[in-house]
Protein backbone atom coordinates (compact mmCIF):
# COMPACT_ATOMS: atom_id res chain seq x y z
CA MET A 1 -0.15 0.13 -0.05
CA THR A 2 1.56 3.47 -0.55
CA HIS A 3 2.14 5.32 2.88
CA ASP A 4 1.92 9.09 1.61
CA ASP A 5 -1.11 9.98 0.27
CA SER A 6 -3.93 11.47 2.12
CA LEU A 7 -6.54 8.73 1.69
CA THR A 8 -4.25 5.93 2.69
CA LEU A 9 -2.77 7.37 5.71
CA THR A 10 -6.72 8.40 6.52
CA ILE A 11 -7.80 4.95 6.15
CA GLU A 12 -4.96 3.63 8.16
CA ALA A 13 -5.40 5.60 11.00
CA THR A 14 -8.96 4.76 11.25
CA HIS A 15 -8.29 1.59 11.31
CA ARG A 16 -6.30 1.92 14.19
CA SER A 17 -8.46 3.73 15.55
CA LEU A 18 -11.14 1.39 15.58
CA GLU A 19 -8.79 -0.96 16.68
CA GLN A 20 -8.28 0.75 19.88
CA ARG A 21 -12.16 1.18 20.08
CA LEU A 22 -12.39 -2.32 20.46
CA ARG A 23 -9.95 -3.19 22.71
CA GLU A 24 -11.55 -0.77 25.11
CA ALA A 25 -14.76 -2.25 24.79
CA ARG A 26 -13.87 -5.73 25.48
CA ARG A 27 -11.57 -4.90 28.29
CA PRO A 28 -13.41 -5.15 31.71
CA HIS A 29 -14.72 -2.56 33.45
CA ARG A 30 -15.16 -3.19 37.39
CA ASP A 31 -15.31 0.59 38.83
CA PRO A 32 -18.77 -0.04 40.88
CA HIS A 33 -19.08 4.05 40.52
CA ARG A 34 -19.11 3.73 36.86
CA PRO A 35 -21.37 0.92 36.14
CA ARG A 36 -22.13 2.10 32.30
CA ASP A 37 -18.32 2.46 31.54
CA ASN A 38 -18.85 -0.67 29.60
CA TYR A 39 -21.71 0.18 27.72
CA ALA A 40 -20.47 3.71 26.56
CA ALA A 41 -17.00 2.05 25.21
CA THR A 42 -19.00 -0.62 23.46
CA ASP A 43 -21.47 1.77 21.74
CA THR A 44 -18.53 4.39 21.36
CA PHE A 45 -16.87 1.53 19.29
CA MET A 46 -20.25 0.59 17.22
CA ALA A 47 -20.89 4.49 16.73
CA ALA A 48 -17.55 4.61 14.99
CA THR A 49 -17.70 1.56 12.83
CA SER A 50 -20.90 2.34 11.58
CA ARG A 51 -20.04 5.77 10.71
CA HIS A 52 -16.90 4.26 8.56
CA LEU A 53 -18.58 1.46 6.86
CA ALA A 54 -21.07 4.24 5.99
CA ALA A 55 -18.63 6.90 4.81
CA VAL A 56 -16.69 3.91 2.56
CA GLU A 57 -19.49 3.37 0.62
CA ALA A 58 -20.50 6.88 0.66
CA SER A 59 -17.39 8.27 -0.97
CA LEU A 60 -15.31 5.25 -2.43
CA LEU A 61 -17.37 2.74 -3.55
CA GLY A 62 -18.28 4.10 -6.68
CA ARG A 63 -15.26 5.62 -7.89
CA VAL A 64 -13.79 2.19 -7.34
CA ARG A 65 -16.42 0.86 -9.47
CA HIS A 66 -16.09 2.73 -12.49
CA GLN A 67 -12.56 3.34 -12.54
CA VAL A 68 -10.45 0.51 -11.08
CA PRO A 69 -9.92 -2.03 -13.40
CA ASP A 70 -11.84 -5.29 -11.83
CA GLY A 71 -13.53 -2.38 -9.59
CA GLU A 72 -16.70 -4.61 -9.45
CA GLN A 73 -15.01 -7.45 -7.96
CA LEU A 74 -13.11 -5.39 -5.61
CA CYS A 75 -16.32 -3.97 -4.66
CA HIS A 76 -18.16 -7.02 -4.14
CA HIS A 77 -15.44 -8.55 -1.76
CA TYR A 78 -15.68 -5.07 0.46
CA LEU A 79 -19.60 -5.01 0.58
CA GLN A 80 -19.68 -8.81 1.47
CA ALA A 81 -17.23 -8.33 4.75
CA ALA A 82 -18.93 -4.66 5.02
CA ARG A 83 -22.35 -6.47 5.15
CA ARG A 84 -20.87 -9.56 7.88
CA LEU A 85 -19.63 -6.57 9.85
CA GLU A 86 -22.87 -4.66 10.01
CA HIS A 87 -24.84 -7.48 10.96
CA THR A 88 -22.77 -8.86 13.82
CA LEU A 89 -22.71 -5.18 14.71
CA SER A 90 -26.43 -5.24 14.48
CA LEU A 91 -26.15 -8.48 17.16
CA LEU A 92 -23.77 -7.08 19.47
CA LYS A 93 -25.88 -3.89 19.98
CA GLY A 94 -29.22 -6.22 20.86
CA ARG A 95 -26.74 -7.92 23.44
CA LEU A 96 -25.67 -4.86 24.94
CA TYR A 97 -29.63 -3.58 25.20
CA GLY A 98 -31.09 -6.97 26.06
CA GLU A 99 -33.46 -7.39 22.97
CA ALA A 100 -35.18 -10.70 22.42
CA HIS A 101 -33.16 -11.86 19.60
CA ALA A 102 -29.29 -11.51 20.75
CA ILE A 103 -29.64 -11.98 24.32
CA HIS A 104 -28.93 -15.91 24.20
CA LEU A 105 -25.53 -14.98 22.32
CA ALA A 106 -22.28 -15.43 24.62
CA TRP A 107 -19.98 -12.49 25.10
CA PRO A 108 -16.95 -14.02 24.35
CA GLU A 109 -17.65 -15.69 21.50
CA LEU A 110 -19.49 -12.42 19.88
CA TRP A 111 -16.52 -10.35 20.95
CA GLU A 112 -14.44 -12.99 18.92
CA THR A 113 -16.84 -12.75 15.80
CA VAL A 114 -16.33 -9.02 15.96
CA GLY A 115 -12.52 -8.85 16.10
CA SER A 116 -12.36 -11.39 13.46
CA GLU A 117 -14.96 -9.48 10.88
CA LEU A 118 -13.43 -6.22 11.84
CA GLY A 119 -9.78 -7.27 10.86
CA GLU A 120 -10.97 -8.86 7.81
CA HIS A 121 -12.98 -5.90 6.76
CA ASN A 122 -9.95 -3.51 7.43
CA ARG A 123 -7.74 -5.74 5.27
CA ILE A 124 -10.04 -5.86 2.18
CA GLU A 125 -10.82 -2.16 2.68
CA GLY A 126 -6.43 -1.60 2.01
CA GLU A 127 -6.89 -3.41 -0.75
CA LEU A 128 -9.26 -1.36 -2.11
CA VAL A 129 -7.95 2.19 -1.15
CA GLU A 130 -4.38 0.61 -2.48
CA ALA A 131 -6.26 -0.13 -5.96
CA LEU A 132 -7.72 3.36 -5.94
CA VAL A 133 -4.89 5.37 -5.04
CA ARG A 134 -2.70 3.61 -8.31
CA CYS A 135 -5.55 4.58 -10.64
CA ARG A 136 -6.08 8.39 -9.45
CA PRO A 137 -2.79 9.88 -7.06
CA ASP A 138 -4.08 12.82 -7.73
CA GLU A 139 -7.03 12.92 -6.21
CA THR A 140 -6.06 11.31 -2.62
CA ASP A 141 -6.51 14.66 -0.91
CA ALA A 142 -9.86 15.27 -1.89
CA LEU A 143 -11.37 11.52 -1.54
CA ALA A 144 -9.44 11.97 2.33
CA ARG A 145 -11.90 14.67 2.80
CA GLN A 146 -14.65 13.08 1.59
CA VAL A 147 -14.17 10.13 3.75
CA PHE A 148 -14.13 12.45 6.60
CA GLU A 149 -17.35 14.98 5.93
CA SER A 150 -19.15 11.66 4.80
CA GLU A 151 -18.26 10.27 8.75
CA VAL A 152 -19.13 13.60 10.29
CA SER A 153 -22.80 13.01 8.78
CA GLY A 154 -23.05 9.69 8.82
CA PRO A 155 -25.49 7.06 10.53
CA THR A 156 -24.24 5.99 13.72
CA ARG A 157 -26.03 2.33 14.37
CA PRO A 158 -25.64 -0.23 12.13
CA HIS A 159 -28.45 -0.72 9.66
CA PRO A 160 -27.70 -3.89 7.98
CA TYR A 161 -30.44 -4.51 6.04
CA THR A 162 -31.08 -1.25 4.34
CA PRO A 163 -29.60 -0.94 0.83
CA HIS A 164 -25.74 0.10 0.95
CA THR A 165 -25.19 1.36 -3.00
CA GLY A 166 -26.80 3.52 -5.57
CA LEU A 167 -29.34 6.16 -5.01
CA PHE A 168 -31.14 3.80 -2.58
CA GLY A 169 -28.62 3.35 -0.60
CA LEU A 170 -27.59 7.23 -0.51
CA ALA A 171 -31.28 8.01 0.16
CA ALA A 172 -30.90 5.09 2.92
CA ARG A 173 -27.99 6.76 4.86
CA ARG A 174 -29.69 9.85 4.82
CA MET A 175 -32.77 9.12 6.61
CA TRP A 176 -31.07 7.22 9.05
CA ALA A 177 -28.38 9.54 10.30
CA TRP A 178 -31.37 12.04 10.83
CA ALA A 179 -32.86 9.41 12.61
CA ASP A 180 -29.76 7.99 14.50
CA ARG A 181 -29.01 12.03 15.49
CA LEU A 182 -32.40 12.18 17.13
CA TRP A 183 -32.04 9.34 18.96
CA ASP A 184 -28.50 10.31 20.06
CA ALA A 185 -29.69 13.43 21.35
CA ALA A 186 -32.30 12.20 23.37
CA GLU A 187 -30.45 9.41 24.62
CA GLY A 188 -27.52 11.63 25.43
CA ARG A 189 -25.23 9.72 23.38
CA VAL A 190 -21.30 10.90 22.60
CA ILE A 191 -20.25 10.12 19.19
CA PRO A 192 -16.67 10.15 18.73
CA ASP A 193 -14.91 12.46 16.11
CA PRO A 194 -13.61 10.61 13.05
CA VAL A 195 -10.06 10.94 12.04
CA ALA A 196 -9.30 13.85 10.10
CA PRO A 197 -6.96 13.80 6.99
CA PRO A 198 -3.55 14.92 7.55
CA HIS A 199 -2.26 18.35 6.82
CA HIS A 200 0.18 18.63 3.67
CA ARG A 201 3.11 20.13 6.13
CA HIS A 202 4.27 17.79 8.11
CA ASP A 203 4.14 19.05 11.79
CA SER A 204 7.16 18.79 14.13
CA LEU A 205 7.16 15.95 16.80
CA LEU A 206 6.67 18.92 19.19
CA ALA A 207 3.88 20.11 17.43
CA GLN A 208 2.22 16.98 17.36
CA TYR A 209 2.74 16.24 21.28
CA LEU A 210 1.25 19.79 22.20
CA VAL A 211 -2.00 19.21 20.20
CA ALA A 212 -1.69 15.40 21.80
CA ASP A 213 -2.81 14.26 18.20
CA PRO A 214 0.56 12.10 17.11
CA LYS A 215 -1.32 10.17 14.44
CA PHE A 216 0.62 10.73 11.14
CA ASP A 217 4.20 12.04 11.10
CA ALA A 218 6.02 9.73 13.45
CA ASP A 219 9.06 10.46 11.07
CA ALA A 220 8.92 14.10 11.53
CA THR A 221 11.61 16.29 12.87
CA ILE A 222 11.83 16.96 16.52
CA VAL A 223 10.88 20.96 15.95
CA GLU A 224 9.57 22.65 13.10
CA HIS A 225 12.16 24.42 10.79
CA ARG A 226 11.15 27.36 9.37
CA HIS A 227 12.25 29.81 6.60
CA ARG A 228 11.92 33.62 7.28
CA VAL A 229 12.92 36.87 5.60
CA HIS A 230 15.09 39.32 7.75
CA PRO A 231 13.19 42.51 7.57
CA LYS A 232 16.18 44.57 6.65
CA ALA A 233 18.44 42.33 5.05
CA GLY A 234 16.22 40.42 3.13
CA GLY A 235 17.41 37.04 3.10
CA VAL A 236 16.60 34.05 4.26
CA THR A 237 17.57 33.19 7.91
């Protein structure tokens, strides 16, 4: 995979974020004074993953299908993995909130399935992004921004039985995003911010540390070097 373009960096950082949220959701929370911590961590993972799935379908699949060789096959494989993951997320949601169709599911097996399907989804999405970047290297910045903006405004719950592509998919995502926002507000649900695309300028490690967001430029210099024009000499210092 190409590792120096905005789209690849954003997708890779999003995958790491989702995997970290999954680890946090699986971690036992036994503080008697914070009984809902486990609910919150699981809910946050589901919301972040649901938004990312919808964002990729909204922003990338159409371009892959029409601009990448064998794009139809790539999209088919991706959608299979995404639908499996979204269906399991709906079971996870049902188990978390005690819905009748999922109450019998055992947590260890359910978490194992979620982890396996998330890993497979991320692998296939990586291949899809790599193929798209090879074909459209000049569009990676715009595509990374589109994915981010779609995540910000996307549905925050899994909806595995609604259309995923085409005009019906677009209408379904908009409808569910609107409905999910209403429920989120009513329930006081905290929705995490998605991973933003990297800046073109490579921030120094010190700058990344100060904003507490060291996601992208791990090979940056310790401090940022700037060139400025001296007001009298007119030279570069």
